[in-house]
All heavy atoms as atom14 arrays in JSON, in Angstrom:
{
  "sequence": "CPELILTDEELEVYINLVSPMLSESVFGNMYITAFVYLMAHHVVLRQL",
  "atom14_mask": [
    [1, 1, 1, 1, 1, 1, 0, 0, 0, 0, 0, 0, 0, 0],
    [1, 1, 1, 1, 1, 1, 1, 0, 0, 0, 0, 0, 0, 0],
    [1, 1, 1, 1, 1, 1, 1, 1, 1, 0, 0, 0, 0, 0],
    [1, 1, 1, 1, 1, 1, 1, 1, 0, 0, 0, 0, 0, 0],
    [1, 1, 1, 1, 1, 1, 1, 1, 0, 0, 0, 0, 0, 0],
    [1, 1, 1, 1, 1, 1, 1, 1, 0, 0, 0, 0, 0, 0],
    [1, 1, 1, 1, 1, 1, 1, 0, 0, 0, 0, 0, 0, 0],
    [1, 1, 1, 1, 1, 1, 1, 1, 0, 0, 0, 0, 0, 0],
    [1, 1, 1, 1, 1, 1, 1, 1, 1, 0, 0, 0, 0, 0],
    [1, 1, 1, 1, 1, 1, 1, 1, 1, 0, 0, 0, 0, 0],
    [1, 1, 1, 1, 1, 1, 1, 1, 0, 0, 0, 0, 0, 0],
    [1, 1, 1, 1, 1, 1, 1, 1, 1, 0, 0, 0, 0, 0],
    [1, 1, 1, 1, 1, 1, 1, 0, 0, 0, 0, 0, 0, 0],
    [1, 1, 1, 1, 1, 1, 1, 1, 1, 1, 1, 1, 0, 0],
    [1, 1, 1, 1, 1, 1, 1, 1, 0, 0, 0, 0, 0, 0],
    [1, 1, 1, 1, 1, 1, 1, 1, 0, 0, 0, 0, 0, 0],
    [1, 1, 1, 1, 1, 1, 1, 1, 0, 0, 0, 0, 0, 0],
    [1, 1, 1, 1, 1, 1, 1, 0, 0, 0, 0, 0, 0, 0],
    [1, 1, 1, 1, 1, 1, 0, 0, 0, 0, 0, 0, 0, 0],
    [1, 1, 1, 1, 1, 1, 1, 0, 0, 0, 0, 0, 0, 0],
    [1, 1, 1, 1, 1, 1, 1, 1, 0, 0, 0, 0, 0, 0],
    [1, 1, 1, 1, 1, 1, 1, 1, 0, 0, 0, 0, 0, 0],
    [1, 1, 1, 1, 1, 1, 0, 0, 0, 0, 0, 0, 0, 0],
    [1, 1, 1, 1, 1, 1, 1, 1, 1, 0, 0, 0, 0, 0],
    [1, 1, 1, 1, 1, 1, 0, 0, 0, 0, 0, 0, 0, 0],
    [1, 1, 1, 1, 1, 1, 1, 0, 0, 0, 0, 0, 0, 0],
    [1, 1, 1, 1, 1, 1, 1, 1, 1, 1, 1, 0, 0, 0],
    [1, 1, 1, 1, 0, 0, 0, 0, 0, 0, 0, 0, 0, 0],
    [1, 1, 1, 1, 1, 1, 1, 1, 0, 0, 0, 0, 0, 0],
    [1, 1, 1, 1, 1, 1, 1, 1, 0, 0, 0, 0, 0, 0],
    [1, 1, 1, 1, 1, 1, 1, 1, 1, 1, 1, 1, 0, 0],
    [1, 1, 1, 1, 1, 1, 1, 1, 0, 0, 0, 0, 0, 0],
    [1, 1, 1, 1, 1, 1, 1, 0, 0, 0, 0, 0, 0, 0],
    [1, 1, 1, 1, 1, 0, 0, 0, 0, 0, 0, 0, 0, 0],
    [1, 1, 1, 1, 1, 1, 1, 1, 1, 1, 1, 0, 0, 0],
    [1, 1, 1, 1, 1, 1, 1, 0, 0, 0, 0, 0, 0, 0],
    [1, 1, 1, 1, 1, 1, 1, 1, 1, 1, 1, 1, 0, 0],
    [1, 1, 1, 1, 1, 1, 1, 1, 0, 0, 0, 0, 0, 0],
    [1, 1, 1, 1, 1, 1, 1, 1, 0, 0, 0, 0, 0, 0],
    [1, 1, 1, 1, 1, 0, 0, 0, 0, 0, 0, 0, 0, 0],
    [1, 1, 1, 1, 1, 1, 1, 1, 1, 1, 0, 0, 0, 0],
    [1, 1, 1, 1, 1, 1, 1, 1, 1, 1, 0, 0, 0, 0],
    [1, 1, 1, 1, 1, 1, 1, 0, 0, 0, 0, 0, 0, 0],
    [1, 1, 1, 1, 1, 1, 1, 0, 0, 0, 0, 0, 0, 0],
    [1, 1, 1, 1, 1, 1, 1, 1, 0, 0, 0, 0, 0, 0],
    [1, 1, 1, 1, 1, 1, 1, 1, 1, 1, 1, 0, 0, 0],
    [1, 1, 1, 1, 1, 1, 1, 1, 1, 0, 0, 0, 0, 0],
    [1, 1, 1, 1, 1, 1, 1, 1, 0, 0, 0, 0, 0, 0]
  ],
  "atom14_positions": [
    [[0.84, -1.21, 0.0], [0.0, 0.0, 0.0], [0.87, 1.26, 0.0], [0.91, 1.98, 1.0], [-0.98, -0.01, 1.16], [-0.32, -0.65, 2.69], [0.0, 0.0, 0.0], [0.0, 0.0, 0.0], [0.0, 0.0, 0.0], [0.0, 0.0, 0.0], [0.0, 0.0, 0.0], [0.0, 0.0, 0.0], [0.0, 0.0, 0.0], [0.0, 0.0, 0.0]],
    [[1.54, 1.53, -1.13], [2.43, 2.69, -1.19], [1.69, 4.03, -1.08], [2.31, 5.05, -0.77], [3.11, 2.54, -2.56], [2.17, 1.71, -3.36], [1.48, 0.8, -2.38], [0.0, 0.0, 0.0], [0.0, 0.0, 0.0], [0.0, 0.0, 0.0], [0.0, 0.0, 0.0], [0.0, 0.0, 0.0], [0.0, 0.0, 0.0], [0.0, 0.0, 0.0]],
    [[0.39, 4.02, -1.33], [-0.38, 5.28, -1.24], [-0.64, 5.71, 0.19], [-1.01, 6.86, 0.45], [-1.71, 5.15, -2.0], [-2.75, 4.29, -1.34], [-2.54, 2.78, -1.5], [-1.56, 2.35, -2.12], [-3.37, 2.04, -0.97], [0.0, 0.0, 0.0], [0.0, 0.0, 0.0], [0.0, 0.0, 0.0], [0.0, 0.0, 0.0], [0.0, 0.0, 0.0]],
    [[-0.43, 4.82, 1.15], [-0.62, 5.15, 2.56], [0.72, 5.57, 3.15], [1.62, 4.75, 3.32], [-1.19, 3.96, 3.33], [-2.55, 3.44, 2.86], [-2.96, 2.2, 3.65], [-3.61, 4.52, 2.98], [0.0, 0.0, 0.0], [0.0, 0.0, 0.0], [0.0, 0.0, 0.0], [0.0, 0.0, 0.0], [0.0, 0.0, 0.0], [0.0, 0.0, 0.0]],
    [[0.86, 6.84, 3.43], [2.12, 7.38, 3.93], [2.02, 7.52, 5.45], [1.17, 8.25, 5.96], [2.42, 8.76, 3.3], [2.34, 8.7, 1.78], [3.78, 9.28, 3.76], [3.3, 7.76, 1.11], [0.0, 0.0, 0.0], [0.0, 0.0, 0.0], [0.0, 0.0, 0.0], [0.0, 0.0, 0.0], [0.0, 0.0, 0.0], [0.0, 0.0, 0.0]],
    [[2.89, 6.79, 6.15], [2.92, 6.86, 7.6], [4.35, 7.12, 8.07], [5.31, 6.66, 7.43], [2.44, 5.55, 8.23], [1.01, 5.12, 7.97], [0.74, 3.77, 8.64], [0.03, 6.15, 8.51], [0.0, 0.0, 0.0], [0.0, 0.0, 0.0], [0.0, 0.0, 0.0], [0.0, 0.0, 0.0], [0.0, 0.0, 0.0], [0.0, 0.0, 0.0]],
    [[4.49, 7.82, 9.18], [5.81, 7.99, 9.79], [6.19, 6.68, 10.47], [5.34, 5.81, 10.7], [5.79, 9.12, 10.83], [4.93, 8.73, 11.91], [5.31, 10.44, 10.23], [0.0, 0.0, 0.0], [0.0, 0.0, 0.0], [0.0, 0.0, 0.0], [0.0, 0.0, 0.0], [0.0, 0.0, 0.0], [0.0, 0.0, 0.0], [0.0, 0.0, 0.0]],
    [[7.47, 6.55, 10.82], [7.92, 5.35, 11.54], [7.18, 5.2, 12.87], [6.85, 4.09, 13.28], [9.43, 5.4, 11.79], [10.22, 5.05, 10.54], [9.64, 4.44, 9.61], [11.42, 5.39, 10.48], [0.0, 0.0, 0.0], [0.0, 0.0, 0.0], [0.0, 0.0, 0.0], [0.0, 0.0, 0.0], [0.0, 0.0, 0.0], [0.0, 0.0, 0.0]],
    [[6.93, 6.33, 13.53], [6.19, 6.31, 14.8], [4.78, 5.76, 14.6], [4.3, 4.94, 15.38], [6.11, 7.73, 15.36], [6.8, 7.92, 16.68], [6.69, 9.36, 17.13], [5.56, 9.88, 17.27], [7.76, 9.96, 17.36], [0.0, 0.0, 0.0], [0.0, 0.0, 0.0], [0.0, 0.0, 0.0], [0.0, 0.0, 0.0], [0.0, 0.0, 0.0]],
    [[4.09, 6.25, 13.57], [2.73, 5.79, 13.29], [2.72, 4.31, 12.91], [1.83, 3.56, 13.34], [2.11, 6.61, 12.16], [1.81, 8.04, 12.55], [1.41, 8.91, 11.37], [1.96, 8.71, 10.26], [0.55, 9.79, 11.56], [0.0, 0.0, 0.0], [0.0, 0.0, 0.0], [0.0, 0.0, 0.0], [0.0, 0.0, 0.0], [0.0, 0.0, 0.0]],
    [[3.72, 3.88, 12.13], [3.81, 2.45, 11.78], [3.94, 1.61, 13.04], [3.28, 0.57, 13.17], [5.02, 2.21, 10.87], [4.8, 2.38, 9.39], [6.12, 2.33, 8.64], [3.86, 1.34, 8.85], [0.0, 0.0, 0.0], [0.0, 0.0, 0.0], [0.0, 0.0, 0.0], [0.0, 0.0, 0.0], [0.0, 0.0, 0.0], [0.0, 0.0, 0.0]],
    [[4.77, 2.04, 13.98], [4.96, 1.3, 15.24], [3.65, 1.22, 16.02], [3.31, 0.17, 16.57], [6.03, 1.97, 16.1], [7.44, 1.74, 15.64], [7.92, 0.31, 15.81], [7.46, -0.39, 16.74], [8.74, -0.12, 14.98], [0.0, 0.0, 0.0], [0.0, 0.0, 0.0], [0.0, 0.0, 0.0], [0.0, 0.0, 0.0], [0.0, 0.0, 0.0]],
    [[2.9, 2.32, 16.05], [1.62, 2.33, 16.77], [0.66, 1.34, 16.14], [0.02, 0.54, 16.84], [1.01, 3.76, 16.78], [-0.43, 3.73, 17.26], [1.84, 4.68, 17.65], [0.0, 0.0, 0.0], [0.0, 0.0, 0.0], [0.0, 0.0, 0.0], [0.0, 0.0, 0.0], [0.0, 0.0, 0.0], [0.0, 0.0, 0.0], [0.0, 0.0, 0.0]],
    [[0.54, 1.34, 14.81], [-0.38, 0.41, 14.14], [0.09, -1.03, 14.26], [-0.73, -1.93, 14.41], [-0.57, 0.8, 12.67], [-1.57, 1.91, 12.5], [-1.18, 3.2, 12.19], [-2.93, 1.67, 12.67], [-2.11, 4.22, 12.04], [-3.87, 2.68, 12.52], [-3.45, 3.95, 12.21], [-4.37, 4.95, 12.07], [0.0, 0.0, 0.0], [0.0, 0.0, 0.0]],
    [[1.39, -1.26, 14.23], [1.91, -2.62, 14.43], [1.53, -3.12, 15.82], [1.07, -4.25, 15.99], [3.44, -2.68, 14.2], [3.73, -2.53, 12.7], [4.03, -3.97, 14.74], [5.21, -2.36, 12.36], [0.0, 0.0, 0.0], [0.0, 0.0, 0.0], [0.0, 0.0, 0.0], [0.0, 0.0, 0.0], [0.0, 0.0, 0.0], [0.0, 0.0, 0.0]],
    [[1.69, -2.26, 16.81], [1.33, -2.64, 18.19], [-0.18, -2.83, 18.35], [-0.62, -3.64, 19.16], [1.86, -1.62, 19.18], [3.37, -1.64, 19.27], [4.01, -2.67, 19.02], [3.95, -0.51, 19.6], [0.0, 0.0, 0.0], [0.0, 0.0, 0.0], [0.0, 0.0, 0.0], [0.0, 0.0, 0.0], [0.0, 0.0, 0.0], [0.0, 0.0, 0.0]],
    [[-0.96, -2.08, 17.58], [-2.41, -2.21, 17.63], [-2.87, -3.54, 17.04], [-3.71, -4.24, 17.61], [-3.06, -1.05, 16.85], [-4.57, -1.13, 16.64], [-5.3, -0.79, 17.94], [-5.0, -0.2, 15.53], [0.0, 0.0, 0.0], [0.0, 0.0, 0.0], [0.0, 0.0, 0.0], [0.0, 0.0, 0.0], [0.0, 0.0, 0.0], [0.0, 0.0, 0.0]],
    [[-2.31, -3.91, 15.9], [-2.76, -5.1, 15.18], [-2.12, -6.38, 15.72], [-2.73, -7.45, 15.65], [-2.47, -4.93, 13.66], [-2.77, -6.2, 12.89], [-3.28, -3.77, 13.11], [0.0, 0.0, 0.0], [0.0, 0.0, 0.0], [0.0, 0.0, 0.0], [0.0, 0.0, 0.0], [0.0, 0.0, 0.0], [0.0, 0.0, 0.0], [0.0, 0.0, 0.0]],
    [[-0.96, -6.27, 16.29], [-0.21, -7.45, 16.74], [-1.01, -8.46, 17.57], [-0.96, -9.65, 17.3], [1.03, -6.98, 17.51], [1.79, -8.07, 17.91], [0.0, 0.0, 0.0], [0.0, 0.0, 0.0], [0.0, 0.0, 0.0], [0.0, 0.0, 0.0], [0.0, 0.0, 0.0], [0.0, 0.0, 0.0], [0.0, 0.0, 0.0], [0.0, 0.0, 0.0]],
    [[-1.78, -8.03, 18.56], [-2.53, -9.03, 19.35], [-3.74, -9.63, 18.61], [-4.35, -10.58, 19.09], [-2.99, -8.26, 20.59], [-2.8, -6.83, 20.3], [-1.88, -6.7, 19.14], [0.0, 0.0, 0.0], [0.0, 0.0, 0.0], [0.0, 0.0, 0.0], [0.0, 0.0, 0.0], [0.0, 0.0, 0.0], [0.0, 0.0, 0.0], [0.0, 0.0, 0.0]],
    [[-4.06, -9.11, 17.44], [-5.24, -9.58, 16.71], [-4.96, -10.78, 15.82], [-5.9, -11.43, 15.37], [-5.8, -8.45, 15.84], [-6.29, -7.26, 16.6], [-6.89, -6.01, 15.45], [-7.08, -4.62, 16.54], [0.0, 0.0, 0.0], [0.0, 0.0, 0.0], [0.0, 0.0, 0.0], [0.0, 0.0, 0.0], [0.0, 0.0, 0.0], [0.0, 0.0, 0.0]],
    [[-3.69, -11.05, 15.54], [-3.34, -12.12, 14.61], [-2.36, -13.09, 15.24], [-1.51, -12.7, 16.02], [-2.71, -11.55, 13.34], [-3.56, -10.64, 12.48], [-2.75, -10.12, 11.32], [-4.77, -11.37, 11.97], [0.0, 0.0, 0.0], [0.0, 0.0, 0.0], [0.0, 0.0, 0.0], [0.0, 0.0, 0.0], [0.0, 0.0, 0.0], [0.0, 0.0, 0.0]],
    [[-2.47, -14.34, 14.81], [-1.56, -15.37, 15.28], [-0.71, -15.84, 14.11], [-1.22, -16.27, 13.08], [-2.35, -16.54, 15.85], [-1.49, -17.64, 16.08], [0.0, 0.0, 0.0], [0.0, 0.0, 0.0], [0.0, 0.0, 0.0], [0.0, 0.0, 0.0], [0.0, 0.0, 0.0], [0.0, 0.0, 0.0], [0.0, 0.0, 0.0], [0.0, 0.0, 0.0]],
    [[0.6, -15.8, 14.3], [1.52, -16.25, 13.25], [1.34, -17.74, 12.98], [1.44, -18.19, 11.84], [2.96, -15.95, 13.65], [3.94, -16.13, 12.53], [5.31, -15.56, 12.85], [5.49, -14.94, 13.91], [6.2, -15.74, 12.0], [0.0, 0.0, 0.0], [0.0, 0.0, 0.0], [0.0, 0.0, 0.0], [0.0, 0.0, 0.0], [0.0, 0.0, 0.0]],
    [[1.01, -18.5, 14.01], [0.84, -19.94, 13.82], [-0.4, -20.26, 12.98], [-0.44, -21.26, 12.27], [0.76, -20.66, 15.17], [-0.38, -20.24, 15.9], [0.0, 0.0, 0.0], [0.0, 0.0, 0.0], [0.0, 0.0, 0.0], [0.0, 0.0, 0.0], [0.0, 0.0, 0.0], [0.0, 0.0, 0.0], [0.0, 0.0, 0.0], [0.0, 0.0, 0.0]],
    [[-1.41, -19.42, 13.03], [-2.63, -19.64, 12.25], [-2.42, -19.27, 10.79], [-2.82, -20.0, 9.89], [-3.82, -18.84, 12.85], [-5.02, -18.88, 11.93], [-4.17, -19.36, 14.23], [0.0, 0.0, 0.0], [0.0, 0.0, 0.0], [0.0, 0.0, 0.0], [0.0, 0.0, 0.0], [0.0, 0.0, 0.0], [0.0, 0.0, 0.0], [0.0, 0.0, 0.0]],
    [[-1.77, -18.14, 10.54], [-1.6, -17.65, 9.17], [-0.37, -18.22, 8.47], [-0.26, -18.15, 7.26], [-1.57, -16.12, 9.13], [-2.93, -15.51, 9.3], [-3.41, -15.17, 10.55], [-3.73, -15.29, 8.2], [-4.67, -14.61, 10.7], [-5.0, -14.73, 8.33], [-5.46, -14.39, 9.6], [0.0, 0.0, 0.0], [0.0, 0.0, 0.0], [0.0, 0.0, 0.0]],
    [[0.55, -18.78, 9.23], [1.73, -19.41, 8.64], [2.52, -18.45, 7.78], [2.8, -17.32, 8.17], [0.0, 0.0, 0.0], [0.0, 0.0, 0.0], [0.0, 0.0, 0.0], [0.0, 0.0, 0.0], [0.0, 0.0, 0.0], [0.0, 0.0, 0.0], [0.0, 0.0, 0.0], [0.0, 0.0, 0.0], [0.0, 0.0, 0.0], [0.0, 0.0, 0.0]],
    [[2.86, -18.9, 6.55], [3.68, -18.06, 5.68], [2.91, -16.87, 5.11], [3.5, -16.02, 4.45], [4.32, -18.88, 4.56], [3.29, -19.51, 3.64], [2.1, -19.46, 3.9], [3.76, -20.1, 2.56], [0.0, 0.0, 0.0], [0.0, 0.0, 0.0], [0.0, 0.0, 0.0], [0.0, 0.0, 0.0], [0.0, 0.0, 0.0], [0.0, 0.0, 0.0]],
    [[1.62, -16.77, 5.36], [0.82, -15.61, 4.93], [0.68, -14.56, 6.04], [-0.03, -13.58, 5.88], [-0.58, -16.07, 4.49], [-0.58, -17.05, 3.33], [0.2, -16.4, 1.85], [-0.99, -15.2, 1.35], [0.0, 0.0, 0.0], [0.0, 0.0, 0.0], [0.0, 0.0, 0.0], [0.0, 0.0, 0.0], [0.0, 0.0, 0.0], [0.0, 0.0, 0.0]],
    [[1.36, -14.77, 7.17], [1.22, -13.91, 8.34], [1.54, -12.45, 8.02], [0.75, -11.55, 8.34], [2.09, -14.41, 9.48], [2.08, -13.52, 10.69], [0.96, -13.43, 11.52], [3.19, -12.74, 11.03], [0.94, -12.63, 12.64], [3.19, -11.93, 12.16], [2.06, -11.87, 12.95], [2.04, -11.06, 14.06], [0.0, 0.0, 0.0], [0.0, 0.0, 0.0]],
    [[2.69, -12.19, 7.4], [3.1, -10.81, 7.12], [2.08, -10.13, 6.2], [1.66, -9.0, 6.45], [4.51, -10.76, 6.48], [5.56, -11.39, 7.41], [4.89, -9.34, 6.08], [5.82, -10.64, 8.68], [0.0, 0.0, 0.0], [0.0, 0.0, 0.0], [0.0, 0.0, 0.0], [0.0, 0.0, 0.0], [0.0, 0.0, 0.0], [0.0, 0.0, 0.0]],
    [[1.66, -10.83, 5.16], [0.7, -10.26, 4.22], [-0.63, -9.98, 4.9], [-1.21, -8.89, 4.73], [0.49, -11.23, 3.03], [1.76, -11.55, 2.48], [-0.38, -10.59, 1.95], [0.0, 0.0, 0.0], [0.0, 0.0, 0.0], [0.0, 0.0, 0.0], [0.0, 0.0, 0.0], [0.0, 0.0, 0.0], [0.0, 0.0, 0.0], [0.0, 0.0, 0.0]],
    [[-1.14, -10.93, 5.68], [-2.4, -10.73, 6.4], [-2.27, -9.57, 7.39], [-3.18, -8.75, 7.51], [-2.79, -12.01, 7.14], [0.0, 0.0, 0.0], [0.0, 0.0, 0.0], [0.0, 0.0, 0.0], [0.0, 0.0, 0.0], [0.0, 0.0, 0.0], [0.0, 0.0, 0.0], [0.0, 0.0, 0.0], [0.0, 0.0, 0.0], [0.0, 0.0, 0.0]],
    [[-1.13, -9.5, 8.06], [-0.89, -8.43, 9.02], [-0.96, -7.07, 8.33], [-1.62, -6.15, 8.81], [0.49, -8.62, 9.67], [0.71, -7.81, 10.9], [0.64, -8.41, 12.14], [0.98, -6.45, 10.85], [0.84, -7.67, 13.31], [1.17, -5.71, 11.99], [1.1, -6.32, 13.22], [0.0, 0.0, 0.0], [0.0, 0.0, 0.0], [0.0, 0.0, 0.0]],
    [[-0.29, -6.96, 7.18], [-0.26, -5.68, 6.46], [-1.65, -5.3, 5.97], [-2.06, -4.14, 6.07], [0.75, -5.73, 5.3], [0.62, -4.53, 4.39], [2.17, -5.83, 5.85], [0.0, 0.0, 0.0], [0.0, 0.0, 0.0], [0.0, 0.0, 0.0], [0.0, 0.0, 0.0], [0.0, 0.0, 0.0], [0.0, 0.0, 0.0], [0.0, 0.0, 0.0]],
    [[-2.41, -6.27, 5.44], [-3.76, -5.95, 4.98], [-4.65, -5.48, 6.13], [-5.4, -4.52, 5.99], [-4.4, -7.15, 4.27], [-3.98, -7.28, 2.83], [-3.43, -8.45, 2.35], [-4.14, -6.22, 1.93], [-3.03, -8.58, 1.03], [-3.75, -6.34, 0.61], [-3.2, -7.51, 0.16], [-2.82, -7.62, -1.15], [0.0, 0.0, 0.0], [0.0, 0.0, 0.0]],
    [[-4.57, -6.15, 7.28], [-5.39, -5.73, 8.41], [-4.93, -4.36, 8.93], [-5.76, -3.5, 9.25], [-5.34, -6.77, 9.53], [-6.25, -6.5, 10.72], [-7.72, -6.39, 10.29], [-6.09, -7.59, 11.78], [0.0, 0.0, 0.0], [0.0, 0.0, 0.0], [0.0, 0.0, 0.0], [0.0, 0.0, 0.0], [0.0, 0.0, 0.0], [0.0, 0.0, 0.0]],
    [[-3.64, -4.14, 8.97], [-3.11, -2.86, 9.42], [-3.54, -1.74, 8.47], [-3.98, -0.67, 8.9], [-1.59, -2.93, 9.53], [-0.96, -1.72, 10.16], [0.77, -1.98, 10.57], [1.54, -1.54, 9.04], [0.0, 0.0, 0.0], [0.0, 0.0, 0.0], [0.0, 0.0, 0.0], [0.0, 0.0, 0.0], [0.0, 0.0, 0.0], [0.0, 0.0, 0.0]],
    [[-3.43, -1.98, 7.16], [-3.83, -0.97, 6.17], [-5.33, -0.68, 6.28], [-5.75, 0.47, 6.12], [-3.48, -1.45, 4.77], [0.0, 0.0, 0.0], [0.0, 0.0, 0.0], [0.0, 0.0, 0.0], [0.0, 0.0, 0.0], [0.0, 0.0, 0.0], [0.0, 0.0, 0.0], [0.0, 0.0, 0.0], [0.0, 0.0, 0.0], [0.0, 0.0, 0.0]],
    [[-6.12, -1.71, 6.56], [-7.56, -1.52, 6.76], [-7.81, -0.54, 7.9], [-8.6, 0.4, 7.77], [-8.22, -2.88, 7.05], [-9.63, -2.77, 7.52], [-10.68, -2.44, 6.68], [-10.17, -2.95, 8.75], [-11.8, -2.42, 7.38], [-11.52, -2.73, 8.63], [0.0, 0.0, 0.0], [0.0, 0.0, 0.0], [0.0, 0.0, 0.0], [0.0, 0.0, 0.0]],
    [[-7.12, -0.71, 9.02], [-7.27, 0.2, 10.16], [-6.81, 1.61, 9.81], [-7.43, 2.59, 10.22], [-6.51, -0.34, 11.37], [-7.22, -1.45, 12.06], [-8.27, -1.27, 12.92], [-7.03, -2.8, 11.99], [-8.71, -2.43, 13.36], [-7.97, -3.38, 12.81], [0.0, 0.0, 0.0], [0.0, 0.0, 0.0], [0.0, 0.0, 0.0], [0.0, 0.0, 0.0]],
    [[-5.73, 1.72, 9.06], [-5.21, 3.03, 8.66], [-6.24, 3.76, 7.8], [-6.55, 4.93, 8.03], [-3.87, 2.9, 7.91], [-3.45, 4.22, 7.29], [-2.78, 2.38, 8.84], [0.0, 0.0, 0.0], [0.0, 0.0, 0.0], [0.0, 0.0, 0.0], [0.0, 0.0, 0.0], [0.0, 0.0, 0.0], [0.0, 0.0, 0.0], [0.0, 0.0, 0.0]],
    [[-6.8, 3.06, 6.81], [-7.77, 3.69, 5.91], [-9.03, 4.09, 6.68], [-9.55, 5.2, 6.48], [-8.12, 2.74, 4.74], [-9.3, 3.26, 3.95], [-6.92, 2.57, 3.83], [0.0, 0.0, 0.0], [0.0, 0.0, 0.0], [0.0, 0.0, 0.0], [0.0, 0.0, 0.0], [0.0, 0.0, 0.0], [0.0, 0.0, 0.0], [0.0, 0.0, 0.0]],
    [[-9.51, 3.23, 7.56], [-10.7, 3.59, 8.36], [-10.42, 4.83, 9.2], [-11.26, 5.74, 9.28], [-11.13, 2.44, 9.26], [-11.9, 1.32, 8.62], [-12.32, 0.29, 9.67], [-13.13, 1.82, 7.88], [0.0, 0.0, 0.0], [0.0, 0.0, 0.0], [0.0, 0.0, 0.0], [0.0, 0.0, 0.0], [0.0, 0.0, 0.0], [0.0, 0.0, 0.0]],
    [[-9.26, 4.88, 9.82], [-8.91, 6.03, 10.66], [-8.83, 7.3, 9.81], [-9.29, 8.36, 10.21], [-7.57, 5.74, 11.35], [-7.19, 6.66, 12.44], [-8.15, 6.81, 13.58], [-8.72, 5.6, 14.1], [-9.86, 5.54, 14.78], [-10.54, 6.64, 15.03], [-10.34, 4.42, 15.23], [0.0, 0.0, 0.0], [0.0, 0.0, 0.0], [0.0, 0.0, 0.0]],
    [[-8.28, 7.19, 8.6], [-8.2, 8.35, 7.72], [-9.59, 8.82, 7.28], [-9.85, 10.01, 7.19], [-7.33, 8.03, 6.5], [-5.86, 7.93, 6.83], [-5.01, 7.53, 5.64], [-5.51, 7.11, 4.6], [-3.7, 7.64, 5.79], [0.0, 0.0, 0.0], [0.0, 0.0, 0.0], [0.0, 0.0, 0.0], [0.0, 0.0, 0.0], [0.0, 0.0, 0.0]],
    [[-10.47, 7.87, 6.99], [-11.84, 8.23, 6.61], [-12.57, 8.92, 7.75], [-13.28, 9.9, 7.54], [-12.61, 7.0, 6.15], [-12.21, 6.44, 4.78], [-12.9, 5.1, 4.55], [-12.57, 7.42, 3.69], [0.0, 0.0, 0.0], [0.0, 0.0, 0.0], [0.0, 0.0, 0.0], [0.0, 0.0, 0.0], [0.0, 0.0, 0.0], [0.0, 0.0, 0.0]]
  ]
}
């Protein structure tokens, strides 16, 4: 999602927000991708 511009601080906040919502063991090798999609969803909702 290159159109979503966040500072490093904001990225850390969203990572900490989404982190407890997902399990790496459940998503396996799709964990990073699922994490980013869920995080981007929260960013877009917050912007709206």
